[in-house]
Amino acid sequence: MDTRGIEQMIGELRSTAQTAANKPAQGAQATGGVDFAEVLQGALRDVSAAQQEARGMAQEFSTGDPNVNLQDVMVNLQKASLSFQQMVQVRNKLVTAYQDIMNMPV
């Protein structure tokens, strides 16, 4: 079994964790806060890019490209699916928080 794709994904996760631990967000304001809209837009762009990459790789595999193997296609499709599910859960939490705030007595 070829584990290069899994090792690559683990490396990317470690790199992202290291970056997040050492560097403040790009949208940091002068007060030290983070611009929520920029973070959310960045996350949406990342999810969209993951989906497009997985879709493109699946299409290349289905056309018979010898440079694309099934394991990489499946890993990328699962990564895209998980990132989309995560964004759906974030959206659900935001909607719930909004509804809770709107139902608060003034």
C-alpha atoms as a PDB file:
ATOM      1  CA  MET A   1       0.000   0.000   0.000  1.00  0.00           C
ATOM      2  CA  ASP A   2       1.286   3.437  -0.935  1.00  0.00           C
ATOM      3  CA  THR A   3       1.250   5.756   2.108  1.00  0.00           C
ATOM      4  CA  ARG A   4       2.810   8.822   0.497  1.00  0.00           C
ATOM      5  CA  GLY A   5      -0.528  10.642   0.378  1.00  0.00           C
ATOM      6  CA  ILE A   6      -1.198  10.015   4.054  1.00  0.00           C
ATOM      7  CA  GLU A   7       2.320  11.066   5.038  1.00  0.00           C
ATOM      8  CA  GLN A   8       1.928  14.203   2.935  1.00  0.00           C
ATOM      9  CA  MET A   9      -1.356  15.041   4.668  1.00  0.00           C
ATOM     10  CA  ILE A  10       0.194  14.497   8.113  1.00  0.00           C
ATOM     11  CA  GLY A  11       3.059  16.777   7.126  1.00  0.00           C
ATOM     12  CA  GLU A  12       0.620  19.457   5.979  1.00  0.00           C
ATOM     13  CA  LEU A  13      -1.324  19.202   9.246  1.00  0.00           C
ATOM     14  CA  ARG A  14       1.871  19.528  11.298  1.00  0.00           C
ATOM     15  CA  SER A  15       2.987  22.482   9.195  1.00  0.00           C
ATOM     16  CA  THR A  16      -0.366  24.206   9.628  1.00  0.00           C
ATOM     17  CA  ALA A  17      -0.331  23.585  13.384  1.00  0.00           C
ATOM     18  CA  GLN A  18       3.208  24.970  13.655  1.00  0.00           C
ATOM     19  CA  THR A  19       2.243  28.032  11.631  1.00  0.00           C
ATOM     20  CA  ALA A  20      -0.825  28.648  13.770  1.00  0.00           C
ATOM     21  CA  ALA A  21       1.172  28.318  16.974  1.00  0.00           C
ATOM     22  CA  ASN A  22       3.943  30.731  15.940  1.00  0.00           C
ATOM     23  CA  LYS A  23       2.278  33.374  13.801  1.00  0.00           C
ATOM     24  CA  PRO A  24      -0.673  35.679  14.480  1.00  0.00           C
ATOM     25  CA  ALA A  25      -3.460  35.727  11.934  1.00  0.00           C
ATOM     26  CA  GLN A  26      -3.095  38.039   8.950  1.00  0.00           C
ATOM     27  CA  GLY A  27      -6.279  39.860   9.880  1.00  0.00           C
ATOM     28  CA  ALA A  28      -4.992  40.869  13.310  1.00  0.00           C
ATOM     29  CA  GLN A  29      -6.010  44.345  14.282  1.00  0.00           C
ATOM     30  CA  ALA A  30      -3.986  46.871  16.271  1.00  0.00           C
ATOM     31  CA  THR A  31      -5.728  45.755  19.474  1.00  0.00           C
ATOM     32  CA  GLY A  32      -4.500  42.210  19.001  1.00  0.00           C
ATOM     33  CA  GLY A  33      -7.875  40.881  17.834  1.00  0.00           C
ATOM     34  CA  VAL A  34      -8.640  38.863  14.742  1.00  0.00           C
ATOM     35  CA  ASP A  35     -11.000  39.963  11.991  1.00  0.00           C
ATOM     36  CA  PHE A  36     -13.637  37.235  12.053  1.00  0.00           C
ATOM     37  CA  ALA A  37     -14.900  37.978   8.537  1.00  0.00           C
ATOM     38  CA  GLU A  38     -11.424  37.533   7.044  1.00  0.00           C
ATOM     39  CA  VAL A  39     -10.866  34.271   8.910  1.00  0.00           C
ATOM     40  CA  LEU A  40     -14.234  32.938   7.763  1.00  0.00           C
ATOM     41  CA  GLN A  41     -13.623  33.992   4.147  1.00  0.00           C
ATOM     42  CA  GLY A  42     -10.203  32.336   4.224  1.00  0.00           C
ATOM     43  CA  ALA A  43     -11.712  29.124   5.542  1.00  0.00           C
ATOM     44  CA  LEU A  44     -14.371  29.184   2.822  1.00  0.00           C
ATOM     45  CA  ARG A  45     -11.698  29.715   0.162  1.00  0.00           C
ATOM     46  CA  ASP A  46      -9.705  26.774   1.546  1.00  0.00           C
ATOM     47  CA  VAL A  47     -12.763  24.511   1.476  1.00  0.00           C
ATOM     48  CA  SER A  48     -13.583  25.574  -2.066  1.00  0.00           C
ATOM     49  CA  ALA A  49      -9.998  24.987  -3.195  1.00  0.00           C
ATOM     50  CA  ALA A  50      -9.960  21.521  -1.598  1.00  0.00           C
ATOM     51  CA  GLN A  51     -13.199  20.611  -3.362  1.00  0.00           C
ATOM     52  CA  GLN A  52     -11.949  21.878  -6.715  1.00  0.00           C
ATOM     53  CA  GLU A  53      -8.665  20.015  -6.351  1.00  0.00           C
ATOM     54  CA  ALA A  54     -10.436  16.771  -5.427  1.00  0.00           C
ATOM     55  CA  ARG A  55     -12.903  17.156  -8.291  1.00  0.00           C
ATOM     56  CA  GLY A  56     -10.087  17.818 -10.750  1.00  0.00           C
ATOM     57  CA  MET A  57      -8.073  14.854  -9.528  1.00  0.00           C
ATOM     58  CA  ALA A  58     -11.121  12.573  -9.746  1.00  0.00           C
ATOM     59  CA  GLN A  59     -11.752  13.757 -13.288  1.00  0.00           C
ATOM     60  CA  GLU A  60      -8.131  13.126 -14.250  1.00  0.00           C
ATOM     61  CA  PHE A  61      -8.337   9.617 -12.783  1.00  0.00           C
ATOM     62  CA  SER A  62     -11.590   8.870 -14.610  1.00  0.00           C
ATOM     63  CA  THR A  63     -10.061   9.916 -17.926  1.00  0.00           C
ATOM     64  CA  GLY A  64      -7.256   7.414 -17.374  1.00  0.00           C
ATOM     65  CA  ASP A  65      -4.334   9.678 -16.445  1.00  0.00           C
ATOM     66  CA  PRO A  66      -1.508   7.293 -15.437  1.00  0.00           C
ATOM     67  CA  ASN A  67       0.007   9.882 -13.043  1.00  0.00           C
ATOM     68  CA  VAL A  68      -3.056   9.849 -10.751  1.00  0.00           C
ATOM     69  CA  ASN A  69      -3.662   6.850  -8.515  1.00  0.00           C
ATOM     70  CA  LEU A  70      -6.879   5.855  -6.802  1.00  0.00           C
ATOM     71  CA  GLN A  71      -5.507   6.242  -3.259  1.00  0.00           C
ATOM     72  CA  ASP A  72      -4.641   9.909  -3.783  1.00  0.00           C
ATOM     73  CA  VAL A  73      -8.038  10.562  -5.356  1.00  0.00           C
ATOM     74  CA  MET A  74      -9.862   8.970  -2.430  1.00  0.00           C
ATOM     75  CA  VAL A  75      -7.766  10.798   0.178  1.00  0.00           C
ATOM     76  CA  ASN A  76      -8.386  14.145  -1.514  1.00  0.00           C
ATOM     77  CA  LEU A  77     -12.108  13.451  -1.830  1.00  0.00           C
ATOM     78  CA  GLN A  78     -12.285  12.596   1.883  1.00  0.00           C
ATOM     79  CA  LYS A  79     -10.310  15.712   2.857  1.00  0.00           C
ATOM     80  CA  ALA A  80     -12.685  17.860   0.806  1.00  0.00           C
ATOM     81  CA  SER A  81     -15.705  16.146   2.333  1.00  0.00           C
ATOM     82  CA  LEU A  82     -14.431  16.586   5.883  1.00  0.00           C
ATOM     83  CA  SER A  83     -13.590  20.240   5.356  1.00  0.00           C
ATOM     84  CA  PHE A  84     -17.066  20.852   3.924  1.00  0.00           C
ATOM     85  CA  GLN A  85     -18.721  19.064   6.857  1.00  0.00           C
ATOM     86  CA  GLN A  86     -16.651  21.167   9.239  1.00  0.00           C
ATOM     87  CA  MET A  87     -17.811  24.375   7.564  1.00  0.00           C
ATOM     88  CA  VAL A  88     -21.427  23.206   7.782  1.00  0.00           C
ATOM     89  CA  GLN A  89     -20.989  22.653  11.521  1.00  0.00           C
ATOM     90  CA  VAL A  90     -19.458  26.123  11.922  1.00  0.00           C
ATOM     91  CA  ARG A  91     -22.405  27.600  10.032  1.00  0.00           C
ATOM     92  CA  ASN A  92     -24.849  25.702  12.245  1.00  0.00           C
ATOM     93  CA  LYS A  93     -23.138  27.027  15.384  1.00  0.00           C
ATOM     94  CA  LEU A  94     -23.238  30.580  14.024  1.00  0.00           C
ATOM     95  CA  VAL A  95     -26.951  30.304  13.242  1.00  0.00           C
ATOM     96  CA  THR A  96     -27.629  28.912  16.712  1.00  0.00           C
ATOM     97  CA  ALA A  97     -25.641  31.723  18.341  1.00  0.00           C
ATOM     98  CA  TYR A  98     -27.493  34.324  16.261  1.00  0.00           C
ATOM     99  CA  GLN A  99     -30.861  32.838  17.231  1.00  0.00           C
ATOM    100  CA  ASP A 100     -29.872  32.770  20.904  1.00  0.00           C
ATOM    101  CA  ILE A 101     -28.846  36.435  20.786  1.00  0.00           C
ATOM    102  CA  MET A 102     -32.026  37.442  18.972  1.00  0.00           C
ATOM    103  CA  ASN A 103     -34.180  35.618  21.575  1.00  0.00           C
ATOM    104  CA  MET A 104     -32.501  37.364  24.532  1.00  0.00           C
ATOM    105  CA  PRO A 105     -34.713  39.777  26.402  1.00  0.00           C
ATOM    106  CA  VAL A 106     -33.552  43.362  26.263  1.00  0.00           C
END
